[in-house]
């Protein structure tokens, strides 16, 4: 029996965050999440029952992936066996990235090219997988001490502005400028600035 995935949506846009900011990207959003963050901007991805359960063949037969970068996101995509999907995307020559909360392992055999981990307070900021970059949402309770600088190379740690809130932006700016030894970056959601999906 072939692996099936709960698809919330597949769309093409730009990568609005992190290292690949501004690059054209195809997004595959999977349903299901093991956390419930109050400021989550993809709550519609929580419900697996509302998603379309599709095989890899159905996914690749339904959507054209015209961008060289493919982002697998959620919800929390590591709740699913991503290996079969990633292998087929790699056959198409895609650079496959994963966005995860970091609570589950990312097996090497999946073949993911780049792992973006956004540790969440609901998991005590645990990182239980490989990380190529880190993104921390700066809400009112965020503390600089939770940042795990040893997990990624310098300059790959982003302090994400929470939902465009001015207070969060000001706090992220202050944390970056007051901690130059950590080589942090302020992260924005470029797709929201440009008013695109």
C-alpha atoms as a PDB file:
ATOM      1  CA  UNK A   1       0.000   0.000   0.000  1.00  0.00           C
ATOM      2  CA  UNK A   2       1.393   3.418  -0.937  1.00  0.00           C
ATOM      3  CA  UNK A   3       1.918   6.144   1.634  1.00  0.00           C
ATOM      4  CA  UNK A   4      -0.807   8.779   1.699  1.00  0.00           C
ATOM      5  CA  UNK A   5      -0.565  12.317   2.972  1.00  0.00           C
ATOM      6  CA  UNK A   6      -3.227  14.638   4.450  1.00  0.00           C
ATOM      7  CA  UNK A   7      -2.960  17.614   2.093  1.00  0.00           C
ATOM      8  CA  UNK A   8      -4.279  20.950   3.332  1.00  0.00           C
ATOM      9  CA  UNK A   9      -3.007  22.912   0.336  1.00  0.00           C
ATOM     10  CA  UNK A  10      -0.352  23.013  -2.364  1.00  0.00           C
ATOM     11  CA  UNK A  11       0.560  26.393  -3.800  1.00  0.00           C
ATOM     12  CA  UNK A  12       3.361  28.392  -5.407  1.00  0.00           C
ATOM     13  CA  UNK A  13       4.681  31.595  -3.943  1.00  0.00           C
ATOM     14  CA  UNK A  14       7.969  32.837  -2.530  1.00  0.00           C
ATOM     15  CA  UNK A  15       9.732  31.620   0.581  1.00  0.00           C
ATOM     16  CA  UNK A  16       8.843  34.453   2.918  1.00  0.00           C
ATOM     17  CA  UNK A  17      11.150  33.573   5.810  1.00  0.00           C
ATOM     18  CA  UNK A  18      14.659  32.506   6.680  1.00  0.00           C
ATOM     19  CA  UNK A  19      17.728  31.741   4.597  1.00  0.00           C
ATOM     20  CA  UNK A  20      15.837  31.334   1.311  1.00  0.00           C
ATOM     21  CA  UNK A  21      13.855  34.563   1.745  1.00  0.00           C
ATOM     22  CA  UNK A  22      12.424  35.804  -1.538  1.00  0.00           C
ATOM     23  CA  UNK A  23      13.116  32.677  -3.623  1.00  0.00           C
ATOM     24  CA  UNK A  24      10.291  31.181  -5.649  1.00  0.00           C
ATOM     25  CA  UNK A  25       8.965  28.085  -3.915  1.00  0.00           C
ATOM     26  CA  UNK A  26       6.301  25.400  -4.152  1.00  0.00           C
ATOM     27  CA  UNK A  27       4.634  24.677  -0.811  1.00  0.00           C
ATOM     28  CA  UNK A  28       3.064  21.443   0.367  1.00  0.00           C
ATOM     29  CA  UNK A  29       1.105  21.964   3.593  1.00  0.00           C
ATOM     30  CA  UNK A  30       0.257  18.789   5.518  1.00  0.00           C
ATOM     31  CA  UNK A  31      -2.429  18.487   8.197  1.00  0.00           C
ATOM     32  CA  UNK A  32      -1.889  17.515  11.798  1.00  0.00           C
ATOM     33  CA  UNK A  33       0.097  19.120  14.598  1.00  0.00           C
ATOM     34  CA  UNK A  34       1.248  17.953  18.012  1.00  0.00           C
ATOM     35  CA  UNK A  35       1.283  21.499  19.464  1.00  0.00           C
ATOM     36  CA  UNK A  36      -1.329  24.253  19.770  1.00  0.00           C
ATOM     37  CA  UNK A  37       0.477  27.595  19.808  1.00  0.00           C
ATOM     38  CA  UNK A  38      -1.912  30.510  20.499  1.00  0.00           C
ATOM     39  CA  UNK A  39      -0.399  32.721  17.780  1.00  0.00           C
ATOM     40  CA  UNK A  40      -0.281  30.004  15.096  1.00  0.00           C
ATOM     41  CA  UNK A  41      -1.186  31.450  11.669  1.00  0.00           C
ATOM     42  CA  UNK A  42      -2.014  28.033  10.167  1.00  0.00           C
ATOM     43  CA  UNK A  43      -4.639  26.700  12.595  1.00  0.00           C
ATOM     44  CA  UNK A  44      -6.561  25.427   9.569  1.00  0.00           C
ATOM     45  CA  UNK A  45      -3.876  22.731   9.280  1.00  0.00           C
ATOM     46  CA  UNK A  46      -4.656  21.150  12.666  1.00  0.00           C
ATOM     47  CA  UNK A  47      -7.558  18.981  11.464  1.00  0.00           C
ATOM     48  CA  UNK A  48      -6.382  15.866   9.614  1.00  0.00           C
ATOM     49  CA  UNK A  49     -10.005  14.812   8.964  1.00  0.00           C
ATOM     50  CA  UNK A  50     -10.633  17.951   6.892  1.00  0.00           C
ATOM     51  CA  UNK A  51      -7.595  17.333   4.668  1.00  0.00           C
ATOM     52  CA  UNK A  52      -7.492  15.440   1.355  1.00  0.00           C
ATOM     53  CA  UNK A  53      -5.694  12.103   1.770  1.00  0.00           C
ATOM     54  CA  UNK A  54      -3.523  11.691  -1.342  1.00  0.00           C
ATOM     55  CA  UNK A  55      -0.787   9.365  -2.562  1.00  0.00           C
ATOM     56  CA  UNK A  56       2.523  10.642  -3.928  1.00  0.00           C
ATOM     57  CA  UNK A  57       1.346   9.836  -7.468  1.00  0.00           C
ATOM     58  CA  UNK A  58      -1.850  11.820  -6.896  1.00  0.00           C
ATOM     59  CA  UNK A  59       0.077  14.786  -5.495  1.00  0.00           C
ATOM     60  CA  UNK A  60       2.542  14.877  -8.387  1.00  0.00           C
ATOM     61  CA  UNK A  61      -0.242  14.251 -10.890  1.00  0.00           C
ATOM     62  CA  UNK A  62      -2.466  17.029  -9.545  1.00  0.00           C
ATOM     63  CA  UNK A  63       0.013  19.877  -9.080  1.00  0.00           C
ATOM     64  CA  UNK A  64       2.895  21.144 -11.155  1.00  0.00           C
ATOM     65  CA  UNK A  65       5.922  22.013  -9.087  1.00  0.00           C
ATOM     66  CA  UNK A  66       7.522  24.666 -11.271  1.00  0.00           C
ATOM     67  CA  UNK A  67       9.837  26.183  -8.660  1.00  0.00           C
ATOM     68  CA  UNK A  68      13.232  24.623  -7.873  1.00  0.00           C
ATOM     69  CA  UNK A  69      12.569  24.929  -4.125  1.00  0.00           C
ATOM     70  CA  UNK A  70       9.849  22.788  -2.478  1.00  0.00           C
ATOM     71  CA  UNK A  71       8.855  23.549   1.119  1.00  0.00           C
ATOM     72  CA  UNK A  72       7.068  20.854   3.122  1.00  0.00           C
ATOM     73  CA  UNK A  73       5.251  22.492   6.001  1.00  0.00           C
ATOM     74  CA  UNK A  74       2.212  22.090   8.209  1.00  0.00           C
ATOM     75  CA  UNK A  75       0.946  21.736  10.902  1.00  0.00           C
ATOM     76  CA  UNK A  76       3.767  19.467  11.847  1.00  0.00           C
ATOM     77  CA  UNK A  77       4.951  17.465   8.809  1.00  0.00           C
ATOM     78  CA  UNK A  78       7.193  15.095  10.787  1.00  0.00           C
ATOM     79  CA  UNK A  79       4.050  13.335  12.003  1.00  0.00           C
ATOM     80  CA  UNK A  80       4.106  11.640   8.573  1.00  0.00           C
ATOM     81  CA  UNK A  81       6.652   9.443   6.763  1.00  0.00           C
ATOM     82  CA  UNK A  82       8.023  11.984   4.302  1.00  0.00           C
ATOM     83  CA  UNK A  83      10.513   9.624   2.646  1.00  0.00           C
ATOM     84  CA  UNK A  84       8.374   8.493  -0.342  1.00  0.00           C
ATOM     85  CA  UNK A  85       7.266  12.049  -1.137  1.00  0.00           C
ATOM     86  CA  UNK A  86      10.761  13.535  -0.851  1.00  0.00           C
ATOM     87  CA  UNK A  87      12.301  10.805  -3.021  1.00  0.00           C
ATOM     88  CA  UNK A  88       9.897  11.574  -5.866  1.00  0.00           C
ATOM     89  CA  UNK A  89      10.447  15.325  -5.554  1.00  0.00           C
ATOM     90  CA  UNK A  90      14.203  14.763  -5.691  1.00  0.00           C
ATOM     91  CA  UNK A  91      13.753  12.763  -8.907  1.00  0.00           C
ATOM     92  CA  UNK A  92      12.251  15.945 -10.346  1.00  0.00           C
ATOM     93  CA  UNK A  93      15.429  17.813  -9.370  1.00  0.00           C
ATOM     94  CA  UNK A  94      13.862  19.742  -6.482  1.00  0.00           C
ATOM     95  CA  UNK A  95      15.682  21.142  -3.465  1.00  0.00           C
ATOM     96  CA  UNK A  96      13.403  19.997  -0.637  1.00  0.00           C
ATOM     97  CA  UNK A  97      13.152  21.904   2.618  1.00  0.00           C
ATOM     98  CA  UNK A  98      11.191  21.077   5.752  1.00  0.00           C
ATOM     99  CA  UNK A  99       9.608  23.396   8.302  1.00  0.00           C
ATOM    100  CA  UNK A 100       9.173  21.708  11.685  1.00  0.00           C
ATOM    101  CA  UNK A 101       8.682  22.543  15.357  1.00  0.00           C
ATOM    102  CA  UNK A 102      11.629  20.245  16.092  1.00  0.00           C
ATOM    103  CA  UNK A 103       9.820  17.875  18.452  1.00  0.00           C
ATOM    104  CA  UNK A 104      10.303  14.793  16.231  1.00  0.00           C
ATOM    105  CA  UNK A 105      13.361  13.308  14.495  1.00  0.00           C
ATOM    106  CA  UNK A 106      14.007  13.941  10.793  1.00  0.00           C
ATOM    107  CA  UNK A 107      15.486  10.652   9.536  1.00  0.00           C
ATOM    108  CA  UNK A 108      18.437  11.012   7.152  1.00  0.00           C
ATOM    109  CA  UNK A 109      16.816   8.475   4.819  1.00  0.00           C
ATOM    110  CA  UNK A 110      14.061  10.972   4.048  1.00  0.00           C
ATOM    111  CA  UNK A 111      16.621  12.929   2.019  1.00  0.00           C
ATOM    112  CA  UNK A 112      15.562  16.411   3.186  1.00  0.00           C
ATOM    113  CA  UNK A 113      18.031  19.032   1.923  1.00  0.00           C
ATOM    114  CA  UNK A 114      17.372  21.726   4.551  1.00  0.00           C
ATOM    115  CA  UNK A 115      15.587  21.671   7.913  1.00  0.00           C
ATOM    116  CA  UNK A 116      14.121  24.831   9.405  1.00  0.00           C
ATOM    117  CA  UNK A 117      13.286  24.352  13.076  1.00  0.00           C
ATOM    118  CA  UNK A 118      10.949  26.729  14.848  1.00  0.00           C
ATOM    119  CA  UNK A 119      11.043  25.593  18.498  1.00  0.00           C
ATOM    120  CA  UNK A 120       7.883  26.403  20.423  1.00  0.00           C
ATOM    121  CA  UNK A 121       7.297  27.212  24.092  1.00  0.00           C
ATOM    122  CA  UNK A 122       4.679  24.428  24.328  1.00  0.00           C
ATOM    123  CA  UNK A 123       7.503  21.934  23.851  1.00  0.00           C
ATOM    124  CA  UNK A 124       9.865  23.819  26.179  1.00  0.00           C
ATOM    125  CA  UNK A 125      11.843  24.787  23.073  1.00  0.00           C
ATOM    126  CA  UNK A 126      13.145  21.225  22.683  1.00  0.00           C
ATOM    127  CA  UNK A 127      14.982  20.415  19.461  1.00  0.00           C
ATOM    128  CA  UNK A 128      14.958  16.698  18.774  1.00  0.00           C
ATOM    129  CA  UNK A 129      16.118  16.783  15.173  1.00  0.00           C
ATOM    130  CA  UNK A 130      18.738  18.122  12.819  1.00  0.00           C
ATOM    131  CA  UNK A 131      18.516  21.869  12.277  1.00  0.00           C
ATOM    132  CA  UNK A 132      19.999  23.953   9.457  1.00  0.00           C
ATOM    133  CA  UNK A 133      18.414  27.163  10.730  1.00  0.00           C
ATOM    134  CA  UNK A 134      16.378  28.187  13.776  1.00  0.00           C
ATOM    135  CA  UNK A 135      13.386  30.518  13.946  1.00  0.00           C
ATOM    136  CA  UNK A 136      12.024  31.692  17.285  1.00  0.00           C
ATOM    137  CA  UNK A 137       8.735  33.597  17.440  1.00  0.00           C
ATOM    138  CA  UNK A 138       9.185  36.642  19.664  1.00  0.00           C
ATOM    139  CA  UNK A 139       5.962  36.812  21.666  1.00  0.00           C
ATOM    140  CA  UNK A 140       5.510  38.673  24.953  1.00  0.00           C
ATOM    141  CA  UNK A 141       7.015  35.807  26.953  1.00  0.00           C
ATOM    142  CA  UNK A 142      10.042  35.039  24.788  1.00  0.00           C
ATOM    143  CA  UNK A 143      13.374  34.976  26.633  1.00  0.00           C
ATOM    144  CA  UNK A 144      16.787  35.136  24.936  1.00  0.00           C
ATOM    145  CA  UNK A 145      18.085  32.308  27.133  1.00  0.00           C
ATOM    146  CA  UNK A 146      16.088  29.638  25.235  1.00  0.00           C
ATOM    147  CA  UNK A 147      18.113  30.150  22.046  1.00  0.00           C
ATOM    148  CA  UNK A 148      20.316  27.152  21.296  1.00  0.00           C
ATOM    149  CA  UNK A 149      23.169  28.832  19.438  1.00  0.00           C
ATOM    150  CA  UNK A 150      25.218  25.627  19.374  1.00  0.00           C
ATOM    151  CA  UNK A 151      22.678  23.912  17.090  1.00  0.00           C
ATOM    152  CA  UNK A 152      23.360  25.860  13.873  1.00  0.00           C
ATOM    153  CA  UNK A 153      26.166  27.930  12.338  1.00  0.00           C
ATOM    154  CA  UNK A 154      26.322  31.604  13.245  1.00  0.00           C
ATOM    155  CA  UNK A 155      23.884  33.906  11.459  1.00  0.00           C
ATOM    156  CA  UNK A 156      21.255  31.191  10.937  1.00  0.00           C
ATOM    157  CA  UNK A 157      19.123  32.110  13.946  1.00  0.00           C
ATOM    158  CA  UNK A 158      16.076  34.273  13.267  1.00  0.00           C
ATOM    159  CA  UNK A 159      13.911  36.102  15.774  1.00  0.00           C
ATOM    160  CA  UNK A 160      10.567  36.111  14.003  1.00  0.00           C
ATOM    161  CA  UNK A 161       8.190  39.024  14.461  1.00  0.00           C
ATOM    162  CA  UNK A 162       4.904  37.628  15.808  1.00  0.00           C
ATOM    163  CA  UNK A 163       2.072  38.239  13.311  1.00  0.00           C
ATOM    164  CA  UNK A 164       3.450  41.646  12.321  1.00  0.00           C
ATOM    165  CA  UNK A 165       2.900  43.049  15.834  1.00  0.00           C
ATOM    166  CA  UNK A 166       4.859  46.303  16.355  1.00  0.00           C
ATOM    167  CA  UNK A 167       5.679  45.298  19.956  1.00  0.00           C
ATOM    168  CA  UNK A 168       7.180  42.034  18.751  1.00  0.00           C
ATOM    169  CA  UNK A 169       9.150  43.802  16.006  1.00  0.00           C
ATOM    170  CA  UNK A 170      10.569  46.285  18.511  1.00  0.00           C
ATOM    171  CA  UNK A 171      11.491  43.492  20.920  1.00  0.00           C
ATOM    172  CA  UNK A 172      13.140  41.399  18.191  1.00  0.00           C
ATOM    173  CA  UNK A 173      15.130  44.438  17.039  1.00  0.00           C
ATOM    174  CA  UNK A 174      16.285  45.150  20.597  1.00  0.00           C
ATOM    175  CA  UNK A 175      17.271  41.539  21.250  1.00  0.00           C
ATOM    176  CA  UNK A 176      19.327  41.400  18.046  1.00  0.00           C
ATOM    177  CA  UNK A 177      21.116  44.690  18.618  1.00  0.00           C
ATOM    178  CA  UNK A 178      21.744  44.058  22.331  1.00  0.00           C
ATOM    179  CA  UNK A 179      23.242  40.602  21.738  1.00  0.00           C
ATOM    180  CA  UNK A 180      25.779  41.040  18.911  1.00  0.00           C
ATOM    181  CA  UNK A 181      27.822  38.035  20.071  1.00  0.00           C
ATOM    182  CA  UNK A 182      24.890  35.720  19.198  1.00  0.00           C
ATOM    183  CA  UNK A 183      24.773  36.844  15.532  1.00  0.00           C
ATOM    184  CA  UNK A 184      20.959  36.845  15.521  1.00  0.00           C
ATOM    185  CA  UNK A 185      18.749  38.135  12.709  1.00  0.00           C
ATOM    186  CA  UNK A 186      15.332  39.775  12.810  1.00  0.00           C
ATOM    187  CA  UNK A 187      12.970  37.626  10.775  1.00  0.00           C
ATOM    188  CA  UNK A 188      10.007  38.999   8.874  1.00  0.00           C
ATOM    189  CA  UNK A 189       7.302  37.348   6.802  1.00  0.00           C
ATOM    190  CA  UNK A 190       8.040  38.828   3.371  1.00  0.00           C
ATOM    191  CA  UNK A 191       4.973  37.199   1.797  1.00  0.00           C
ATOM    192  CA  UNK A 192       2.775  39.195   4.199  1.00  0.00           C
ATOM    193  CA  UNK A 193       4.640  42.408   3.419  1.00  0.00           C
ATOM    194  CA  UNK A 194       3.999  41.768  -0.282  1.00  0.00           C
ATOM    195  CA  UNK A 195       0.389  40.657   0.391  1.00  0.00           C
ATOM    196  CA  UNK A 196       0.812  37.302  -1.335  1.00  0.00           C
ATOM    197  CA  UNK A 197       0.088  33.802  -0.109  1.00  0.00           C
END
